[in-house]
């Protein structure tokens, strides 16, 4: 694996309850592609040792994570990732379509993975 092609994940801890637009603005981020999302998800969940090496990051049980993704039709969705029932679980939401995300949740982004 060419580690120069992979960048570290950026973490933004929500200081208060926030919607997706506010998170994007405060984190100075843009939604990741579907390819980036699946690569990150693989590295964090399926192969966390490689994820720690390549992304400089590892998930912690008891923490809620949020990521924004651009779909193939250019719409944007928000995906959460949390440890539930002894496994990593996630749900997808319309961007700004659901309730605000809770303070303490962690928004993950990356400039470019691929």
PDB file of N, CA and C in Angstrom:
ATOM      1  N   UNK A   1       0.848  -1.185   0.000  1.00  0.00           N
ATOM      2  CA  UNK A   1       0.000   0.000   0.000  1.00  0.00           C
ATOM      3  C   UNK A   1       0.884   1.236   0.000  1.00  0.00           C
ATOM      4  N   UNK A   2       0.606   2.146  -0.883  1.00  0.00           N
ATOM      5  CA  UNK A   2       1.340   3.406  -0.953  1.00  0.00           C
ATOM      6  C   UNK A   2       0.811   4.337   0.125  1.00  0.00           C
ATOM      7  N   UNK A   3       1.534   4.418   1.246  1.00  0.00           N
ATOM      8  CA  UNK A   3       1.044   5.219   2.371  1.00  0.00           C
ATOM      9  C   UNK A   3       1.070   6.714   2.075  1.00  0.00           C
ATOM     10  N   UNK A   4       1.783   7.149   1.058  1.00  0.00           N
ATOM     11  CA  UNK A   4       1.769   8.573   0.700  1.00  0.00           C
ATOM     12  C   UNK A   4       0.435   8.975   0.078  1.00  0.00           C
ATOM     13  N   UNK A   5      -0.275   7.994  -0.515  1.00  0.00           N
ATOM     14  CA  UNK A   5      -1.551   8.290  -1.160  1.00  0.00           C
ATOM     15  C   UNK A   5      -2.698   8.372  -0.147  1.00  0.00           C
ATOM     16  N   UNK A   6      -2.441   7.932   1.080  1.00  0.00           N
ATOM     17  CA  UNK A   6      -3.479   7.926   2.105  1.00  0.00           C
ATOM     18  C   UNK A   6      -3.186   9.031   3.110  1.00  0.00           C
ATOM     19  N   UNK A   7      -4.195   9.783   3.453  1.00  0.00           N
ATOM     20  CA  UNK A   7      -4.022  10.871   4.418  1.00  0.00           C
ATOM     21  C   UNK A   7      -4.697  10.513   5.724  1.00  0.00           C
ATOM     22  N   UNK A   8      -4.321  11.190   6.747  1.00  0.00           N
ATOM     23  CA  UNK A   8      -4.903  10.958   8.061  1.00  0.00           C
ATOM     24  C   UNK A   8      -6.333  11.491   8.117  1.00  0.00           C
ATOM     25  N   UNK A   9      -7.142  10.859   8.940  1.00  0.00           N
ATOM     26  CA  UNK A   9      -8.497  11.345   9.166  1.00  0.00           C
ATOM     27  C   UNK A   9      -8.445  12.570  10.060  1.00  0.00           C
ATOM     28  N   UNK A  10      -9.356  13.476   9.814  1.00  0.00           N
ATOM     29  CA  UNK A  10      -9.493  14.653  10.677  1.00  0.00           C
ATOM     30  C   UNK A  10     -10.708  14.435  11.571  1.00  0.00           C
ATOM     31  N   UNK A  11     -10.562  14.831  12.812  1.00  0.00           N
ATOM     32  CA  UNK A  11     -11.622  14.660  13.789  1.00  0.00           C
ATOM     33  C   UNK A  11     -12.123  16.017  14.255  1.00  0.00           C
ATOM     34  N   UNK A  12     -13.431  16.181  14.302  1.00  0.00           N
ATOM     35  CA  UNK A  12     -14.036  17.391  14.845  1.00  0.00           C
ATOM     36  C   UNK A  12     -15.082  16.947  15.870  1.00  0.00           C
ATOM     37  N   UNK A  13     -14.819  17.244  17.135  1.00  0.00           N
ATOM     38  CA  UNK A  13     -15.756  16.893  18.207  1.00  0.00           C
ATOM     39  C   UNK A  13     -16.789  18.005  18.327  1.00  0.00           C
ATOM     40  N   UNK A  14     -18.049  17.640  18.219  1.00  0.00           N
ATOM     41  CA  UNK A  14     -19.114  18.634  18.277  1.00  0.00           C
ATOM     42  C   UNK A  14     -19.201  19.245  19.674  1.00  0.00           C
ATOM     43  N   UNK A  15     -19.035  20.573  19.783  1.00  0.00           N
ATOM     44  CA  UNK A  15     -19.076  21.223  21.091  1.00  0.00           C
ATOM     45  C   UNK A  15     -20.499  21.406  21.617  1.00  0.00           C
ATOM     46  N   UNK A  16     -21.461  21.290  20.703  1.00  0.00           N
ATOM     47  CA  UNK A  16     -22.870  21.436  21.061  1.00  0.00           C
ATOM     48  C   UNK A  16     -23.688  20.686  20.029  1.00  0.00           C
ATOM     49  N   UNK A  17     -24.998  20.601  20.225  1.00  0.00           N
ATOM     50  CA  UNK A  17     -25.873  19.964  19.263  1.00  0.00           C
ATOM     51  C   UNK A  17     -25.814  20.757  17.960  1.00  0.00           C
ATOM     52  N   UNK A  18     -25.599  20.059  16.816  1.00  0.00           N
ATOM     53  CA  UNK A  18     -25.409  20.744  15.536  1.00  0.00           C
ATOM     54  C   UNK A  18     -26.065  19.976  14.399  1.00  0.00           C
ATOM     55  N   UNK A  19     -26.469  20.710  13.350  1.00  0.00           N
ATOM     56  CA  UNK A  19     -26.953  20.059  12.139  1.00  0.00           C
ATOM     57  C   UNK A  19     -25.774  19.860  11.181  1.00  0.00           C
ATOM     58  N   UNK A  20     -26.015  19.155  10.086  1.00  0.00           N
ATOM     59  CA  UNK A  20     -24.935  18.803   9.155  1.00  0.00           C
ATOM     60  C   UNK A  20     -24.276  20.012   8.503  1.00  0.00           C
ATOM     61  N   UNK A  21     -25.061  21.012   8.110  1.00  0.00           N
ATOM     62  CA  UNK A  21     -24.504  22.213   7.485  1.00  0.00           C
ATOM     63  C   UNK A  21     -23.550  22.928   8.436  1.00  0.00           C
ATOM     64  N   UNK A  22     -23.937  23.052   9.684  1.00  0.00           N
ATOM     65  CA  UNK A  22     -23.082  23.714  10.682  1.00  0.00           C
ATOM     66  C   UNK A  22     -21.811  22.907  10.923  1.00  0.00           C
ATOM     67  N   UNK A  23     -21.929  21.586  10.951  1.00  0.00           N
ATOM     68  CA  UNK A  23     -20.744  20.739  11.124  1.00  0.00           C
ATOM     69  C   UNK A  23     -19.774  20.963   9.966  1.00  0.00           C
ATOM     70  N   UNK A  24     -20.281  20.945   8.717  1.00  0.00           N
ATOM     71  CA  UNK A  24     -19.424  21.160   7.548  1.00  0.00           C
ATOM     72  C   UNK A  24     -18.690  22.495   7.639  1.00  0.00           C
ATOM     73  N   UNK A  25     -19.426  23.528   8.017  1.00  0.00           N
ATOM     74  CA  UNK A  25     -18.838  24.863   8.111  1.00  0.00           C
ATOM     75  C   UNK A  25     -17.765  24.907   9.200  1.00  0.00           C
ATOM     76  N   UNK A  26     -18.086  24.415  10.389  1.00  0.00           N
ATOM     77  CA  UNK A  26     -17.144  24.486  11.507  1.00  0.00           C
ATOM     78  C   UNK A  26     -15.937  23.576  11.322  1.00  0.00           C
ATOM     79  N   UNK A  27     -16.141  22.427  10.689  1.00  0.00           N
ATOM     80  CA  UNK A  27     -15.038  21.491  10.465  1.00  0.00           C
ATOM     81  C   UNK A  27     -14.232  21.850   9.220  1.00  0.00           C
ATOM     82  N   UNK A  28     -14.714  22.841   8.466  1.00  0.00           N
ATOM     83  CA  UNK A  28     -14.065  23.248   7.211  1.00  0.00           C
ATOM     84  C   UNK A  28     -13.797  22.021   6.351  1.00  0.00           C
ATOM     85  N   UNK A  29     -14.866  21.303   6.069  1.00  0.00           N
ATOM     86  CA  UNK A  29     -14.770  20.029   5.388  1.00  0.00           C
ATOM     87  C   UNK A  29     -15.714  19.989   4.194  1.00  0.00           C
ATOM     88  N   UNK A  30     -15.554  18.938   3.406  1.00  0.00           N
ATOM     89  CA  UNK A  30     -16.488  18.663   2.324  1.00  0.00           C
ATOM     90  C   UNK A  30     -16.827  17.179   2.393  1.00  0.00           C
ATOM     91  N   UNK A  31     -17.987  16.775   1.871  1.00  0.00           N
ATOM     92  CA  UNK A  31     -18.353  15.359   1.914  1.00  0.00           C
ATOM     93  C   UNK A  31     -17.359  14.491   1.151  1.00  0.00           C
ATOM     94  N   UNK A  32     -17.147  13.282   1.650  1.00  0.00           N
ATOM     95  CA  UNK A  32     -16.240  12.349   0.983  1.00  0.00           C
ATOM     96  C   UNK A  32     -17.005  11.561  -0.072  1.00  0.00           C
ATOM     97  N   UNK A  33     -16.279  10.973  -0.988  1.00  0.00           N
ATOM     98  CA  UNK A  33     -16.887  10.130  -2.014  1.00  0.00           C
ATOM     99  C   UNK A  33     -17.274   8.783  -1.399  1.00  0.00           C
ATOM    100  N   UNK A  34     -18.104   8.049  -2.106  1.00  0.00           N
ATOM    101  CA  UNK A  34     -18.489   6.711  -1.647  1.00  0.00           C
ATOM    102  C   UNK A  34     -17.266   5.796  -1.566  1.00  0.00           C
ATOM    103  N   UNK A  35     -16.352   5.904  -2.533  1.00  0.00           N
ATOM    104  CA  UNK A  35     -15.137   5.084  -2.500  1.00  0.00           C
ATOM    105  C   UNK A  35     -14.312   5.386  -1.258  1.00  0.00           C
ATOM    106  N   UNK A  36     -14.156   6.666  -0.941  1.00  0.00           N
ATOM    107  CA  UNK A  36     -13.417   7.042   0.266  1.00  0.00           C
ATOM    108  C   UNK A  36     -14.089   6.473   1.510  1.00  0.00           C
ATOM    109  N   UNK A  37     -15.417   6.612   1.576  1.00  0.00           N
ATOM    110  CA  UNK A  37     -16.160   6.121   2.733  1.00  0.00           C
ATOM    111  C   UNK A  37     -15.938   4.625   2.933  1.00  0.00           C
ATOM    112  N   UNK A  38     -16.093   3.835   1.870  1.00  0.00           N
ATOM    113  CA  UNK A  38     -15.955   2.386   2.025  1.00  0.00           C
ATOM    114  C   UNK A  38     -14.523   1.987   2.366  1.00  0.00           C
ATOM    115  N   UNK A  39     -13.547   2.695   1.832  1.00  0.00           N
ATOM    116  CA  UNK A  39     -12.161   2.426   2.201  1.00  0.00           C
ATOM    117  C   UNK A  39     -11.930   2.740   3.676  1.00  0.00           C
ATOM    118  N   UNK A  40     -12.402   3.899   4.131  1.00  0.00           N
ATOM    119  CA  UNK A  40     -12.252   4.282   5.537  1.00  0.00           C
ATOM    120  C   UNK A  40     -12.970   3.285   6.437  1.00  0.00           C
ATOM    121  N   UNK A  41     -14.186   2.938   6.075  1.00  0.00           N
ATOM    122  CA  UNK A  41     -14.960   1.982   6.885  1.00  0.00           C
ATOM    123  C   UNK A  41     -14.222   0.643   6.982  1.00  0.00           C
ATOM    124  N   UNK A  42     -13.698   0.162   5.867  1.00  0.00           N
ATOM    125  CA  UNK A  42     -12.933  -1.086   5.883  1.00  0.00           C
ATOM    126  C   UNK A  42     -11.733  -0.963   6.827  1.00  0.00           C
ATOM    127  N   UNK A  43     -10.980   0.106   6.675  1.00  0.00           N
ATOM    128  CA  UNK A  43      -9.779   0.268   7.485  1.00  0.00           C
ATOM    129  C   UNK A  43     -10.085   0.440   8.976  1.00  0.00           C
ATOM    130  N   UNK A  44     -11.190   1.069   9.309  1.00  0.00           N
ATOM    131  CA  UNK A  44     -11.515   1.286  10.717  1.00  0.00           C
ATOM    132  C   UNK A  44     -12.168   0.073  11.374  1.00  0.00           C
ATOM    133  N   UNK A  45     -12.948  -0.683  10.618  1.00  0.00           N
ATOM    134  CA  UNK A  45     -13.728  -1.774  11.222  1.00  0.00           C
ATOM    135  C   UNK A  45     -13.155  -3.159  10.907  1.00  0.00           C
ATOM    136  N   UNK A  46     -12.877  -3.438   9.646  1.00  0.00           N
ATOM    137  CA  UNK A  46     -12.445  -4.773   9.248  1.00  0.00           C
ATOM    138  C   UNK A  46     -10.965  -4.995   9.545  1.00  0.00           C
ATOM    139  N   UNK A  47     -10.147  -3.987   9.299  1.00  0.00           N
ATOM    140  CA  UNK A  47      -8.704  -4.112   9.512  1.00  0.00           C
ATOM    141  C   UNK A  47      -8.192  -2.920  10.325  1.00  0.00           C
ATOM    142  N   UNK A  48      -8.592  -2.835  11.605  1.00  0.00           N
ATOM    143  CA  UNK A  48      -8.249  -1.646  12.396  1.00  0.00           C
ATOM    144  C   UNK A  48      -6.750  -1.422  12.603  1.00  0.00           C
ATOM    145  N   UNK A  49      -5.944  -2.479  12.591  1.00  0.00           N
ATOM    146  CA  UNK A  49      -4.495  -2.272  12.724  1.00  0.00           C
ATOM    147  C   UNK A  49      -3.940  -1.530  11.515  1.00  0.00           C
ATOM    148  N   UNK A  50      -4.374  -1.912  10.332  1.00  0.00           N
ATOM    149  CA  UNK A  50      -3.958  -1.209   9.117  1.00  0.00           C
ATOM    150  C   UNK A  50      -4.550   0.199   9.115  1.00  0.00           C
ATOM    151  N   UNK A  51      -5.790   0.339   9.592  1.00  0.00           N
ATOM    152  CA  UNK A  51      -6.416   1.656   9.700  1.00  0.00           C
ATOM    153  C   UNK A  51      -5.631   2.583  10.595  1.00  0.00           C
ATOM    154  N   UNK A  52      -5.158   2.057  11.714  1.00  0.00           N
ATOM    155  CA  UNK A  52      -4.358   2.871  12.632  1.00  0.00           C
ATOM    156  C   UNK A  52      -3.054   3.298  11.960  1.00  0.00           C
ATOM    157  N   UNK A  53      -2.465   2.377  11.203  1.00  0.00           N
ATOM    158  CA  UNK A  53      -1.208   2.671  10.508  1.00  0.00           C
ATOM    159  C   UNK A  53      -1.411   3.688   9.382  1.00  0.00           C
ATOM    160  N   UNK A  54      -2.432   3.486   8.543  1.00  0.00           N
ATOM    161  CA  UNK A  54      -2.617   4.331   7.370  1.00  0.00           C
ATOM    162  C   UNK A  54      -3.373   5.628   7.650  1.00  0.00           C
ATOM    163  N   UNK A  55      -4.381   5.545   8.517  1.00  0.00           N
ATOM    164  CA  UNK A  55      -5.219   6.718   8.787  1.00  0.00           C
ATOM    165  C   UNK A  55      -4.822   7.446  10.069  1.00  0.00           C
ATOM    166  N   UNK A  56      -4.010   6.784  10.892  1.00  0.00           N
ATOM    167  CA  UNK A  56      -3.641   7.387  12.166  1.00  0.00           C
ATOM    168  C   UNK A  56      -4.840   7.512  13.097  1.00  0.00           C
ATOM    169  N   UNK A  57      -5.763   6.553  12.997  1.00  0.00           N
ATOM    170  CA  UNK A  57      -7.008   6.684  13.745  1.00  0.00           C
ATOM    171  C   UNK A  57      -7.570   5.318  14.089  1.00  0.00           C
ATOM    172  N   UNK A  58      -8.255   5.244  15.229  1.00  0.00           N
ATOM    173  CA  UNK A  58      -8.997   4.040  15.579  1.00  0.00           C
ATOM    174  C   UNK A  58     -10.284   4.436  16.288  1.00  0.00           C
ATOM    175  N   UNK A  59     -11.317   3.641  16.067  1.00  0.00           N
ATOM    176  CA  UNK A  59     -12.620   3.898  16.671  1.00  0.00           C
ATOM    177  C   UNK A  59     -12.627   3.460  18.129  1.00  0.00           C
ATOM    178  N   UNK A  60     -13.456   4.135  18.926  1.00  0.00           N
ATOM    179  CA  UNK A  60     -13.595   3.799  20.339  1.00  0.00           C
ATOM    180  C   UNK A  60     -15.056   3.453  20.613  1.00  0.00           C
ATOM    181  N   UNK A  61     -15.267   2.366  21.330  1.00  0.00           N
ATOM    182  CA  UNK A  61     -16.624   2.004  21.738  1.00  0.00           C
ATOM    183  C   UNK A  61     -17.169   3.134  22.613  1.00  0.00           C
ATOM    184  N   UNK A  62     -18.462   3.377  22.527  1.00  0.00           N
ATOM    185  CA  UNK A  62     -19.086   4.417  23.335  1.00  0.00           C
ATOM    186  C   UNK A  62     -19.044   5.801  22.720  1.00  0.00           C
ATOM    187  N   UNK A  63     -18.470   5.911  21.531  1.00  0.00           N
ATOM    188  CA  UNK A  63     -18.397   7.194  20.831  1.00  0.00           C
ATOM    189  C   UNK A  63     -19.229   7.108  19.556  1.00  0.00           C
ATOM    190  N   UNK A  64     -19.991   8.145  19.287  1.00  0.00           N
ATOM    191  CA  UNK A  64     -20.774   8.208  18.047  1.00  0.00           C
ATOM    192  C   UNK A  64     -19.967   8.983  17.012  1.00  0.00           C
ATOM    193  N   UNK A  65     -19.845   8.426  15.823  1.00  0.00           N
ATOM    194  CA  UNK A  65     -19.100   9.038  14.730  1.00  0.00           C
ATOM    195  C   UNK A  65     -20.066   9.437  13.620  1.00  0.00           C
ATOM    196  N   UNK A  66     -19.741  10.499  12.915  1.00  0.00           N
ATOM    197  CA  UNK A  66     -20.556  11.012  11.812  1.00  0.00           C
ATOM    198  C   UNK A  66     -19.646  11.222  10.608  1.00  0.00           C
ATOM    199  N   UNK A  67     -20.129  10.861   9.422  1.00  0.00           N
ATOM    200  CA  UNK A  67     -19.414  11.152   8.179  1.00  0.00           C
ATOM    201  C   UNK A  67     -20.426  11.648   7.156  1.00  0.00           C
ATOM    202  N   UNK A  68     -19.993  12.527   6.282  1.00  0.00           N
ATOM    203  CA  UNK A  68     -20.833  13.038   5.192  1.00  0.00           C
ATOM    204  C   UNK A  68     -20.318  12.465   3.885  1.00  0.00           C
ATOM    205  N   UNK A  69     -21.244  11.976   3.047  1.00  0.00           N
ATOM    206  CA  UNK A  69     -20.883  11.328   1.789  1.00  0.00           C
ATOM    207  C   UNK A  69     -21.636  11.934   0.629  1.00  0.00           C
ATOM    208  N   UNK A  70     -20.974  12.035  -0.504  1.00  0.00           N
ATOM    209  CA  UNK A  70     -21.622  12.440  -1.745  1.00  0.00           C
ATOM    210  C   UNK A  70     -22.011  11.175  -2.494  1.00  0.00           C
ATOM    211  N   UNK A  71     -23.286  11.083  -2.826  1.00  0.00           N
ATOM    212  CA  UNK A  71     -23.808   9.922  -3.546  1.00  0.00           C
ATOM    213  C   UNK A  71     -23.552  10.095  -5.051  1.00  0.00           C
ATOM    214  N   UNK A  72     -23.786   9.033  -5.813  1.00  0.00           N
ATOM    215  CA  UNK A  72     -23.534   9.085  -7.260  1.00  0.00           C
ATOM    216  C   UNK A  72     -24.418  10.115  -7.964  1.00  0.00           C
ATOM    217  N   UNK A  73     -25.578  10.432  -7.399  1.00  0.00           N
ATOM    218  CA  UNK A  73     -26.445  11.453  -8.003  1.00  0.00           C
ATOM    219  C   UNK A  73     -26.115  12.859  -7.488  1.00  0.00           C
ATOM    220  N   UNK A  74     -25.009  13.007  -6.787  1.00  0.00           N
ATOM    221  CA  UNK A  74     -24.471  14.247  -6.191  1.00  0.00           C
ATOM    222  C   UNK A  74     -25.216  14.710  -4.939  1.00  0.00           C
ATOM    223  N   UNK A  75     -26.244  13.975  -4.504  1.00  0.00           N
ATOM    224  CA  UNK A  75     -26.876  14.327  -3.229  1.00  0.00           C
ATOM    225  C   UNK A  75     -25.907  13.964  -2.100  1.00  0.00           C
ATOM    226  N   UNK A  76     -26.096  14.563  -0.959  1.00  0.00           N
ATOM    227  CA  UNK A  76     -25.228  14.320   0.192  1.00  0.00           C
ATOM    228  C   UNK A  76     -26.047  13.677   1.302  1.00  0.00           C
ATOM    229  N   UNK A  77     -25.450  12.687   1.949  1.00  0.00           N
ATOM    230  CA  UNK A  77     -26.093  12.053   3.089  1.00  0.00           C
ATOM    231  C   UNK A  77     -25.154  12.103   4.289  1.00  0.00           C
ATOM    232  N   UNK A  78     -25.720  11.893   5.454  1.00  0.00           N
ATOM    233  CA  UNK A  78     -24.944  11.778   6.683  1.00  0.00           C
ATOM    234  C   UNK A  78     -25.057  10.333   7.160  1.00  0.00           C
ATOM    235  N   UNK A  79     -23.952   9.766   7.586  1.00  0.00           N
ATOM    236  CA  UNK A  79     -23.928   8.397   8.078  1.00  0.00           C
ATOM    237  C   UNK A  79     -23.338   8.415   9.481  1.00  0.00           C
ATOM    238  N   UNK A  80     -24.006   7.700  10.399  1.00  0.00           N
ATOM    239  CA  UNK A  80     -23.418   7.573  11.723  1.00  0.00           C
ATOM    240  C   UNK A  80     -22.784   6.195  11.853  1.00  0.00           C
ATOM    241  N   UNK A  81     -21.926   6.049  12.820  1.00  0.00           N
ATOM    242  CA  UNK A  81     -21.243   4.797  13.079  1.00  0.00           C
ATOM    243  C   UNK A  81     -21.076   4.702  14.587  1.00  0.00           C
ATOM    244  N   UNK A  82     -21.650   3.648  15.177  1.00  0.00           N
ATOM    245  CA  UNK A  82     -21.518   3.487  16.619  1.00  0.00           C
ATOM    246  C   UNK A  82     -21.542   2.024  17.004  1.00  0.00           C
ATOM    247  N   UNK A  83     -20.986   1.735  18.166  1.00  0.00           N
ATOM    248  CA  UNK A  83     -20.913   0.389  18.692  1.00  0.00           C
ATOM    249  C   UNK A  83     -22.248   0.092  19.367  1.00  0.00           C
ATOM    250  N   UNK A  84     -22.958  -0.897  18.828  1.00  0.00           N
ATOM    251  CA  UNK A  84     -24.279  -1.231  19.357  1.00  0.00           C
ATOM    252  C   UNK A  84     -24.451  -2.752  19.253  1.00  0.00           C
ATOM    253  N   UNK A  85     -24.905  -3.362  20.331  1.00  0.00           N
ATOM    254  CA  UNK A  85     -25.144  -4.811  20.359  1.00  0.00           C
ATOM    255  C   UNK A  85     -23.899  -5.602  19.960  1.00  0.00           C
ATOM    256  N   UNK A  86     -22.758  -5.206  20.504  1.00  0.00           N
ATOM    257  CA  UNK A  86     -21.479  -5.902  20.310  1.00  0.00           C
ATOM    258  C   UNK A  86     -20.975  -5.898  18.870  1.00  0.00           C
ATOM    259  N   UNK A  87     -21.367  -4.865  18.093  1.00  0.00           N
ATOM    260  CA  UNK A  87     -20.839  -4.732  16.725  1.00  0.00           C
ATOM    261  C   UNK A  87     -20.956  -3.273  16.286  1.00  0.00           C
ATOM    262  N   UNK A  88     -20.172  -2.910  15.281  1.00  0.00           N
ATOM    263  CA  UNK A  88     -20.277  -1.568  14.706  1.00  0.00           C
ATOM    264  C   UNK A  88     -21.524  -1.527  13.831  1.00  0.00           C
ATOM    265  N   UNK A  89     -22.316  -0.498  14.010  1.00  0.00           N
ATOM    266  CA  UNK A  89     -23.579  -0.354  13.307  1.00  0.00           C
ATOM    267  C   UNK A  89     -23.659   1.060  12.745  1.00  0.00           C
ATOM    268  N   UNK A  90     -24.407   1.224  11.658  1.00  0.00           N
ATOM    269  CA  UNK A  90     -24.560   2.567  11.111  1.00  0.00           C
ATOM    270  C   UNK A  90     -25.911   2.729  10.444  1.00  0.00           C
ATOM    271  N   UNK A  91     -26.323   3.965  10.351  1.00  0.00           N
ATOM    272  CA  UNK A  91     -27.552   4.354   9.670  1.00  0.00           C
ATOM    273  C   UNK A  91     -27.224   5.549   8.791  1.00  0.00           C
ATOM    274  N   UNK A  92     -28.009   5.716   7.719  1.00  0.00           N
ATOM    275  CA  UNK A  92     -27.833   6.862   6.824  1.00  0.00           C
ATOM    276  C   UNK A  92     -29.037   7.786   6.950  1.00  0.00           C
ATOM    277  N   UNK A  93     -28.773   9.084   6.820  1.00  0.00           N
ATOM    278  CA  UNK A  93     -29.805  10.108   6.973  1.00  0.00           C
ATOM    279  C   UNK A  93     -29.672  11.136   5.854  1.00  0.00           C
ATOM    280  N   UNK A  94     -30.780  11.777   5.514  1.00  0.00           N
ATOM    281  CA  UNK A  94     -30.721  12.908   4.595  1.00  0.00           C
ATOM    282  C   UNK A  94     -29.879  14.004   5.245  1.00  0.00           C
ATOM    283  N   UNK A  95     -29.084  14.682   4.453  1.00  0.00           N
ATOM    284  CA  UNK A  95     -28.266  15.786   4.956  1.00  0.00           C
ATOM    285  C   UNK A  95     -29.202  16.851   5.524  1.00  0.00           C
ATOM    286  N   UNK A  96     -29.009  17.216   6.763  1.00  0.00           N
ATOM    287  CA  UNK A  96     -29.853  18.178   7.491  1.00  0.00           C
ATOM    288  C   UNK A  96     -31.304  17.729   7.600  1.00  0.00           C
ATOM    289  N   UNK A  97     -31.587  16.452   7.313  1.00  0.00           N
ATOM    290  CA  UNK A  97     -32.963  15.980   7.340  1.00  0.00           C
ATOM    291  C   UNK A  97     -33.408  15.396   8.655  1.00  0.00           C
ATOM    292  N   UNK A  98     -32.475  15.050   9.496  1.00  0.00           N
ATOM    293  CA  UNK A  98     -32.829  14.439  10.769  1.00  0.00           C
ATOM    294  C   UNK A  98     -32.620  15.394  11.923  1.00  0.00           C
ATOM    295  N   UNK A  99     -32.715  14.864  13.111  1.00  0.00           N
ATOM    296  CA  UNK A  99     -32.466  15.713  14.282  1.00  0.00           C
ATOM    297  C   UNK A  99     -30.990  16.121  14.319  1.00  0.00           C
ATOM    298  N   UNK A 100     -30.705  17.153  15.056  1.00  0.00           N
ATOM    299  CA  UNK A 100     -29.315  17.606  15.179  1.00  0.00           C
ATOM    300  C   UNK A 100     -28.485  16.532  15.876  1.00  0.00           C
ATOM    301  N   UNK A 101     -27.212  16.492  15.532  1.00  0.00           N
ATOM    302  CA  UNK A 101     -26.279  15.550  16.149  1.00  0.00           C
ATOM    303  C   UNK A 101     -25.908  16.051  17.545  1.00  0.00           C
ATOM    304  N   UNK A 102     -25.686  15.137  18.450  1.00  0.00           N
ATOM    305  CA  UNK A 102     -25.426  15.481  19.848  1.00  0.00           C
ATOM    306  C   UNK A 102     -24.013  15.987  20.092  1.00  0.00           C
ATOM    307  N   UNK A 103     -23.893  16.867  21.081  1.00  0.00           N
ATOM    308  CA  UNK A 103     -22.584  17.335  21.540  1.00  0.00           C
ATOM    309  C   UNK A 103     -21.762  16.114  21.954  1.00  0.00           C
ATOM    310  N   UNK A 104     -20.478  16.151  21.638  1.00  0.00           N
ATOM    311  CA  UNK A 104     -19.587  15.046  21.973  1.00  0.00           C
ATOM    312  C   UNK A 104     -19.424  14.043  20.845  1.00  0.00           C
ATOM    313  N   UNK A 105     -20.349  14.043  19.876  1.00  0.00           N
ATOM    314  CA  UNK A 105     -20.199  13.167  18.710  1.00  0.00           C
ATOM    315  C   UNK A 105     -18.964  13.617  17.936  1.00  0.00           C
ATOM    316  N   UNK A 106     -18.380  12.700  17.189  1.00  0.00           N
ATOM    317  CA  UNK A 106     -17.170  13.009  16.440  1.00  0.00           C
ATOM    318  C   UNK A 106     -17.443  12.935  14.947  1.00  0.00           C
ATOM    319  N   UNK A 107     -17.173  14.034  14.266  1.00  0.00           N
ATOM    320  CA  UNK A 107     -17.289  14.099  12.815  1.00  0.00           C
ATOM    321  C   UNK A 107     -15.926  13.745  12.232  1.00  0.00           C
ATOM    322  N   UNK A 108     -15.908  12.768  11.325  1.00  0.00           N
ATOM    323  CA  UNK A 108     -14.669  12.339  10.668  1.00  0.00           C
ATOM    324  C   UNK A 108     -14.671  12.792   9.224  1.00  0.00           C
ATOM    325  N   UNK A 109     -13.549  13.329   8.784  1.00  0.00           N
ATOM    326  CA  UNK A 109     -13.405  13.756   7.389  1.00  0.00           C
ATOM    327  C   UNK A 109     -11.953  13.579   6.959  1.00  0.00           C
ATOM    328  N   UNK A 110     -11.754  13.701   5.674  1.00  0.00           N
ATOM    329  CA  UNK A 110     -10.412  13.609   5.111  1.00  0.00           C
ATOM    330  C   UNK A 110     -10.388  14.434   3.851  1.00  0.00           C
ATOM    331  N   UNK A 111      -9.286  15.106   3.599  1.00  0.00           N
ATOM    332  CA  UNK A 111      -9.178  15.890   2.375  1.00  0.00           C
ATOM    333  C   UNK A 111      -9.276  14.985   1.163  1.00  0.00           C
ATOM    334  N   UNK A 112      -8.441  13.954   1.142  1.00  0.00           N
ATOM    335  CA  UNK A 112      -8.447  13.005   0.030  1.00  0.00           C
ATOM    336  C   UNK A 112      -7.856  11.693   0.527  1.00  0.00           C
ATOM    337  N   UNK A 113      -8.544  10.612   0.238  1.00  0.00           N
ATOM    338  CA  UNK A 113      -8.021   9.292   0.545  1.00  0.00           C
ATOM    339  C   UNK A 113      -7.519   8.641  -0.733  1.00  0.00           C
ATOM    340  N   UNK A 114      -8.304   8.727  -1.798  1.00  0.00           N
ATOM    341  CA  UNK A 114      -7.919   8.087  -3.065  1.00  0.00           C
ATOM    342  C   UNK A 114      -7.347   9.103  -4.027  1.00  0.00           C
TER     343      UNK A 114
END
